[in-house]
Amino acid sequence: MLRSMITAANTMNQLQQQLDVISHNIANVNTTGFKKRDAVFGELLAQQFTNLLKTDEAPRLTPAGVRLGVGAKVASTYMQMKQGSIVKTDRPLDLALTKEGQFFRIAVDGDIQYTRDGAFYLSPSANNPDELMVVTADGYAVLNENDEPITVRDGFKDIQVTQNGTMQFIAPNGDIMQTVNIGVSYITRPQLMQALGDNRFAFPNGLNVEDATINLAGNNRNDISLQQYALEQSNVELATEMSELMITQRSYQLNARAITLSDQMMGLINGIRS
C-alpha cells in the first residue's frame, strides 16, 4: 500500500507541473507572438520483483515476477513553433513574421535577445535628443542586421516596411529619408532558448549562438517573410488547452483517489492486526 501511495504522490506532483504549463498557455491566449508549450512525460525508474517458481510446478507462460514503476515525471516542456494567425492593424510599426522559426533581435541590458512580438513603437533616443529609436512595448531597442539600435532623425512622414524586413522612413516630400534592415534571425534549435518572460527569449550562457541561429542578412534577407500593418497572434488553441486541462485534472483526481484508497486499506490492515 505504501508503494502505491508513493507512486500516486510522485505522479500528482508532476501532473501539477503540467497544469502549470496548460494554465500558462491559456493565460497567454491573447498575447502577441506567444508560442505554446507542451509537457512531455517520461517514466520514472521501475523495480523488478522476481517470483521464482518451485521446481515441481509447471512453467509459466508469462515472465516470472512483476515490474513496478514509481510514477511518471515531466521529462521536458516542448515549445511549439507553429505559426499563429495574422491579424491586420492600422499601425505602420506593427510587424508580423509569417514564417516559423524567425525572430526579431532586441537589445536588453547589452545582451541580444529574441522575440516574435512585432508591436514596435518610437521613443526618444537616450544618446541624441534629435533622434527617435524603434523599441518594443517594454522599451527595449530593436536591432538592425548589424545588431545596432534602429534610430532615425525626427521629421519623417511615413514608415514603409518591405516583405524582406527593409524599413524605409519617408520624408514629407515623398523621398526616402533613411533605409535600414531590421535584424531577423532564424532559430535552428529553438528548444535551447530560455523563456525570460514578456515574450523574450535568450540562449543560456556558454552556448555558441552561431550554432543555433542564422542571421538573415545579405543574400539571406530574401528568406525573411514579414507583413506590415499586422500582428501575429498566439498559437494557443483554447479548445485544445481546455481538453488537456480536463484530462489532466481527471488524472490528478485518479491518483488522489488511489492515495485515499491505499490509506483506507492500510487502516483496515492495522485494525485487523490489533
Protein backbone atom coordinates (compact mmCIF):
# COMPACT_ATOMS: atom_id res chain seq x y z
CA MET A 1 0.00 0.00 0.00
CA LEU A 2 2.84 2.35 0.82
CA ARG A 3 4.33 1.79 -2.64
CA SER A 4 1.04 2.69 -4.35
CA MET A 5 0.81 5.87 -2.28
CA ILE A 6 4.35 6.89 -3.23
CA THR A 7 3.68 6.20 -6.90
CA ALA A 8 0.47 8.26 -6.88
CA ALA A 9 2.10 11.11 -4.94
CA ASN A 10 5.03 11.30 -7.38
CA THR A 11 2.67 11.40 -10.36
CA MET A 12 0.45 14.05 -8.75
CA ASN A 13 3.46 16.30 -8.27
CA GLN A 14 4.32 16.03 -11.98
CA LEU A 15 0.70 16.49 -13.07
CA GLN A 16 0.73 19.77 -11.15
CA GLN A 17 3.60 20.91 -13.36
CA GLN A 18 1.57 20.01 -16.44
CA LEU A 19 -1.35 22.01 -15.06
CA ASP A 20 1.01 24.96 -14.65
CA VAL A 21 2.10 24.66 -18.31
CA ILE A 22 -1.50 24.48 -19.53
CA SER A 23 -2.52 27.42 -17.32
CA HIS A 24 0.37 29.47 -18.71
CA ASN A 25 -0.76 28.69 -22.26
CA ILE A 26 -4.36 29.70 -21.52
CA ALA A 27 -3.27 32.90 -19.79
CA ASN A 28 -1.36 33.93 -22.95
CA VAL A 29 -4.05 33.04 -25.48
CA ASN A 30 -4.25 36.73 -26.48
CA THR A 31 -0.52 37.54 -26.17
CA THR A 32 1.00 38.71 -29.45
CA GLY A 33 3.51 36.24 -30.88
CA PHE A 34 3.25 33.82 -27.94
CA LYS A 35 4.32 30.20 -28.56
CA LYS A 36 2.62 27.50 -26.51
CA ARG A 37 4.46 24.76 -24.64
CA ASP A 38 3.57 21.10 -24.28
CA ALA A 39 4.62 18.91 -21.36
CA VAL A 40 6.32 15.65 -22.31
CA PHE A 41 6.09 12.86 -19.74
CA GLY A 42 8.58 10.10 -19.06
CA GLU A 43 8.51 7.06 -16.79
CA LEU A 44 10.45 7.07 -13.55
CA LEU A 45 12.59 4.11 -12.51
CA ALA A 46 10.91 0.72 -12.31
CA GLN A 47 11.79 -2.13 -9.97
CA GLN A 48 11.66 -5.82 -10.88
CA PHE A 49 10.16 -8.16 -8.27
CA THR A 50 11.16 -11.74 -9.01
CA ASN A 51 8.69 -14.53 -8.32
CA LEU A 52 10.67 -17.72 -8.82
CA LEU A 53 8.80 -20.96 -9.41
CA LYS A 54 9.18 -24.17 -7.43
CA THR A 55 10.89 -26.97 -9.27
CA ASP A 56 7.78 -29.18 -9.22
CA GLU A 57 5.46 -26.55 -10.72
CA ALA A 58 4.61 -26.19 -14.38
CA PRO A 59 6.48 -23.38 -16.19
CA ARG A 60 4.67 -20.06 -16.53
CA LEU A 61 3.72 -18.56 -19.88
CA THR A 62 4.48 -15.04 -18.61
CA PRO A 63 7.85 -13.79 -17.31
CA ALA A 64 8.42 -14.66 -13.69
CA GLY A 65 7.90 -11.68 -11.45
CA VAL A 66 6.31 -8.27 -11.86
CA ARG A 67 7.75 -4.90 -12.86
CA LEU A 68 6.52 -1.96 -10.81
CA GLY A 69 7.16 1.67 -11.61
CA VAL A 70 7.29 4.58 -9.20
CA GLY A 71 5.27 7.08 -11.20
CA ALA A 72 5.77 9.49 -14.09
CA LYS A 73 7.59 12.78 -14.46
CA VAL A 74 7.61 15.75 -16.79
CA ALA A 75 10.69 14.98 -18.86
CA SER A 76 10.62 18.34 -20.65
CA THR A 77 8.42 21.13 -21.93
CA TYR A 78 8.44 21.50 -25.70
CA MET A 79 7.82 24.88 -27.35
CA GLN A 80 5.53 24.61 -30.37
CA MET A 81 6.75 26.83 -33.21
CA LYS A 82 3.51 26.59 -35.19
CA GLN A 83 2.56 29.86 -36.89
CA GLY A 84 -0.15 31.91 -35.18
CA SER A 85 -2.95 33.65 -37.03
CA ILE A 86 -2.27 37.07 -38.58
CA VAL A 87 -4.48 40.00 -37.58
CA LYS A 88 -4.37 43.25 -39.56
CA THR A 89 -3.96 46.57 -37.75
CA ASP A 90 -3.67 50.23 -38.74
CA ARG A 91 -0.20 50.92 -37.26
CA PRO A 92 2.84 51.07 -39.58
CA LEU A 93 5.08 49.74 -36.79
CA ASP A 94 3.01 46.59 -36.29
CA LEU A 95 5.08 43.88 -37.98
CA ALA A 96 4.26 40.17 -38.17
CA LEU A 97 6.74 37.43 -39.03
CA THR A 98 4.92 34.95 -41.24
CA LYS A 99 7.50 32.15 -41.26
CA GLU A 100 8.06 29.71 -38.43
CA GLY A 101 11.36 29.90 -36.59
CA GLN A 102 12.14 33.57 -37.36
CA PHE A 103 12.61 36.08 -34.51
CA PHE A 104 13.32 39.79 -34.17
CA ARG A 105 16.53 40.67 -32.35
CA ILE A 106 16.34 43.18 -29.50
CA ALA A 107 18.86 44.60 -27.03
CA VAL A 108 18.22 44.07 -23.31
CA ASP A 109 20.84 45.40 -20.89
CA GLY A 110 23.53 44.99 -23.52
CA ASP A 111 22.57 41.41 -24.41
CA ILE A 112 20.87 40.21 -27.59
CA GLN A 113 17.50 38.57 -27.04
CA TYR A 114 14.75 37.37 -29.37
CA THR A 115 11.01 37.96 -29.72
CA ARG A 116 8.13 37.27 -32.10
CA ASP A 117 6.15 40.25 -30.79
CA GLY A 118 6.30 42.82 -33.57
CA ALA A 119 4.31 45.60 -31.88
CA PHE A 120 7.00 48.30 -32.07
CA TYR A 121 7.00 51.98 -31.09
CA LEU A 122 9.12 55.09 -31.39
CA SER A 123 10.90 56.50 -28.35
CA PRO A 124 13.34 59.44 -27.93
CA SER A 125 16.92 58.23 -28.16
CA ALA A 126 18.92 58.49 -24.94
CA ASN A 127 22.10 59.36 -26.85
CA ASN A 128 20.65 62.02 -29.17
CA PRO A 129 17.51 64.07 -28.36
CA ASP A 130 17.03 64.78 -32.08
CA GLU A 131 16.67 61.08 -32.90
CA LEU A 132 13.95 58.53 -32.36
CA MET A 133 14.60 54.88 -31.64
CA VAL A 134 12.45 51.89 -32.60
CA VAL A 135 11.63 49.97 -29.42
CA THR A 136 9.40 47.16 -28.17
CA ALA A 137 6.37 47.75 -25.96
CA ASP A 138 8.69 47.39 -22.93
CA GLY A 139 11.15 49.96 -24.25
CA TYR A 140 13.91 47.61 -25.48
CA ALA A 141 15.77 48.68 -28.61
CA VAL A 142 15.02 46.83 -31.84
CA LEU A 143 18.27 45.93 -33.62
CA ASN A 144 19.21 46.12 -37.28
CA GLU A 145 21.04 43.39 -39.19
CA ASN A 146 24.36 44.61 -37.70
CA ASP A 147 22.95 44.37 -34.15
CA GLU A 148 22.78 48.15 -33.73
CA PRO A 149 19.70 50.02 -32.42
CA ILE A 150 17.44 51.33 -35.18
CA THR A 151 17.37 55.14 -34.94
CA VAL A 152 16.06 57.88 -37.23
CA ARG A 153 16.06 61.68 -37.17
CA ASP A 154 12.67 63.19 -36.48
CA GLY A 155 10.74 64.83 -39.30
CA PHE A 156 9.68 61.87 -41.43
CA LYS A 157 6.10 61.49 -42.61
CA ASP A 158 5.62 57.73 -43.06
CA ILE A 159 7.23 54.34 -42.46
CA GLN A 160 7.23 51.58 -45.04
CA VAL A 161 8.49 48.04 -44.41
CA THR A 162 9.04 45.54 -47.21
CA GLN A 163 8.47 41.80 -47.00
CA ASN A 164 12.19 41.13 -46.50
CA GLY A 165 12.38 43.47 -43.50
CA THR A 166 13.75 46.63 -45.09
CA MET A 167 12.39 49.67 -43.20
CA GLN A 168 12.15 52.96 -45.07
CA PHE A 169 11.42 56.33 -43.48
CA ILE A 170 9.63 58.61 -45.94
CA ALA A 171 10.16 62.40 -45.85
CA PRO A 172 7.22 64.84 -46.22
CA ASN A 173 8.14 65.42 -49.89
CA GLY A 174 7.92 61.68 -50.61
CA ASP A 175 11.66 60.98 -50.77
CA ILE A 176 13.24 58.13 -48.84
CA MET A 177 14.89 59.78 -45.85
CA GLN A 178 16.54 56.68 -44.40
CA THR A 179 16.68 52.95 -45.07
CA VAL A 180 17.55 50.27 -42.52
CA ASN A 181 17.33 46.48 -42.46
CA ILE A 182 15.60 45.01 -39.39
CA GLY A 183 17.60 42.36 -37.56
CA VAL A 184 15.88 38.98 -38.01
CA SER A 185 17.31 35.58 -37.05
CA TYR A 186 16.22 32.10 -37.96
CA ILE A 187 16.47 29.88 -34.88
CA THR A 188 17.59 26.42 -35.93
CA ARG A 189 17.39 24.98 -32.39
CA PRO A 190 14.52 26.84 -30.67
CA GLN A 191 14.28 24.29 -27.83
CA LEU A 192 17.61 25.57 -26.49
CA MET A 193 16.15 29.03 -25.87
CA GLN A 194 15.20 30.08 -22.37
CA ALA A 195 11.93 31.94 -21.83
CA LEU A 196 12.61 35.16 -19.90
CA GLY A 197 9.05 36.46 -19.70
CA ASP A 198 7.38 39.30 -21.60
CA ASN A 199 7.71 37.31 -24.85
CA ARG A 200 11.51 37.44 -24.74
CA PHE A 201 13.93 34.56 -25.27
CA ALA A 202 17.67 34.13 -24.91
CA PHE A 203 20.23 31.36 -25.14
CA PRO A 204 22.00 30.13 -21.98
CA ASN A 205 25.48 31.38 -21.19
CA GLY A 206 28.26 29.32 -22.70
CA LEU A 207 26.27 28.27 -25.75
CA ASN A 208 27.69 29.22 -29.13
CA VAL A 209 24.78 31.20 -30.57
CA GLU A 210 26.07 30.75 -34.12
CA ASP A 211 25.37 27.01 -33.82
CA ALA A 212 21.68 27.66 -33.12
CA THR A 213 20.85 30.76 -35.19
CA ILE A 214 21.21 32.12 -38.71
CA ASN A 215 21.45 35.89 -39.13
CA LEU A 216 19.18 36.66 -42.10
CA ALA A 217 21.35 39.36 -43.65
CA GLY A 218 22.77 39.97 -47.12
CA ASN A 219 21.59 37.34 -49.59
CA ASN A 220 19.66 35.59 -46.80
CA ARG A 221 17.30 38.54 -46.41
CA ASN A 222 15.11 37.11 -49.17
CA ASP A 223 14.23 34.30 -46.75
CA ILE A 224 12.54 36.79 -44.40
CA SER A 225 8.75 36.82 -44.59
CA LEU A 226 7.32 39.88 -42.88
CA GLN A 227 3.96 41.66 -43.10
CA GLN A 228 3.43 45.30 -42.17
CA TYR A 229 0.22 46.59 -40.56
CA ALA A 230 -0.29 43.18 -38.96
CA LEU A 231 0.48 41.23 -35.78
CA GLU A 232 0.89 37.51 -35.20
CA GLN A 233 -1.46 36.16 -32.59
CA SER A 234 -0.74 33.39 -30.10
CA ASN A 235 -0.69 29.85 -31.49
CA VAL A 236 -2.64 28.60 -28.46
CA GLU A 237 -5.87 26.81 -29.37
CA LEU A 238 -8.20 27.39 -26.43
CA ALA A 239 -10.40 24.34 -27.14
CA THR A 240 -7.36 22.04 -27.18
CA GLU A 241 -5.96 23.51 -23.98
CA MET A 242 -9.30 23.15 -22.18
CA SER A 243 -9.49 19.49 -23.24
CA GLU A 244 -5.95 18.87 -21.98
CA LEU A 245 -6.83 20.67 -18.77
CA MET A 246 -9.81 18.40 -18.11
CA ILE A 247 -7.79 15.26 -18.89
CA THR A 248 -5.01 16.34 -16.55
CA GLN A 249 -7.46 17.20 -13.79
CA ARG A 250 -9.06 13.75 -14.09
CA SER A 251 -5.63 12.10 -13.91
CA TYR A 252 -4.86 14.15 -10.82
CA GLN A 253 -8.15 13.11 -9.20
CA LEU A 254 -7.48 9.45 -10.06
CA ASN A 255 -4.10 9.49 -8.33
CA ALA A 256 -5.55 11.36 -5.36
CA ARG A 257 -8.23 8.68 -5.10
CA ALA A 258 -5.52 5.98 -5.21
CA ILE A 259 -3.86 7.57 -2.17
CA THR A 260 -7.19 7.68 -0.33
CA LEU A 261 -7.94 4.02 -1.07
CA SER A 262 -4.45 2.93 -0.06
CA ASP A 263 -4.78 4.84 3.21
CA GLN A 264 -8.13 3.18 3.90
CA MET A 265 -6.73 -0.29 3.18
CA MET A 266 -3.77 0.33 5.48
CA GLY A 267 -6.21 1.37 8.17
CA LEU A 268 -8.14 -1.88 7.70
CA ILE A 269 -4.95 -3.91 7.92
CA ASN A 270 -3.84 -2.13 11.07
CA GLY A 271 -7.30 -2.74 12.56
CA ILE A 272 -7.04 -6.48 11.85
CA ARG A 273 -3.60 -6.66 13.41
CA SER A 274 -4.80 -5.04 16.58
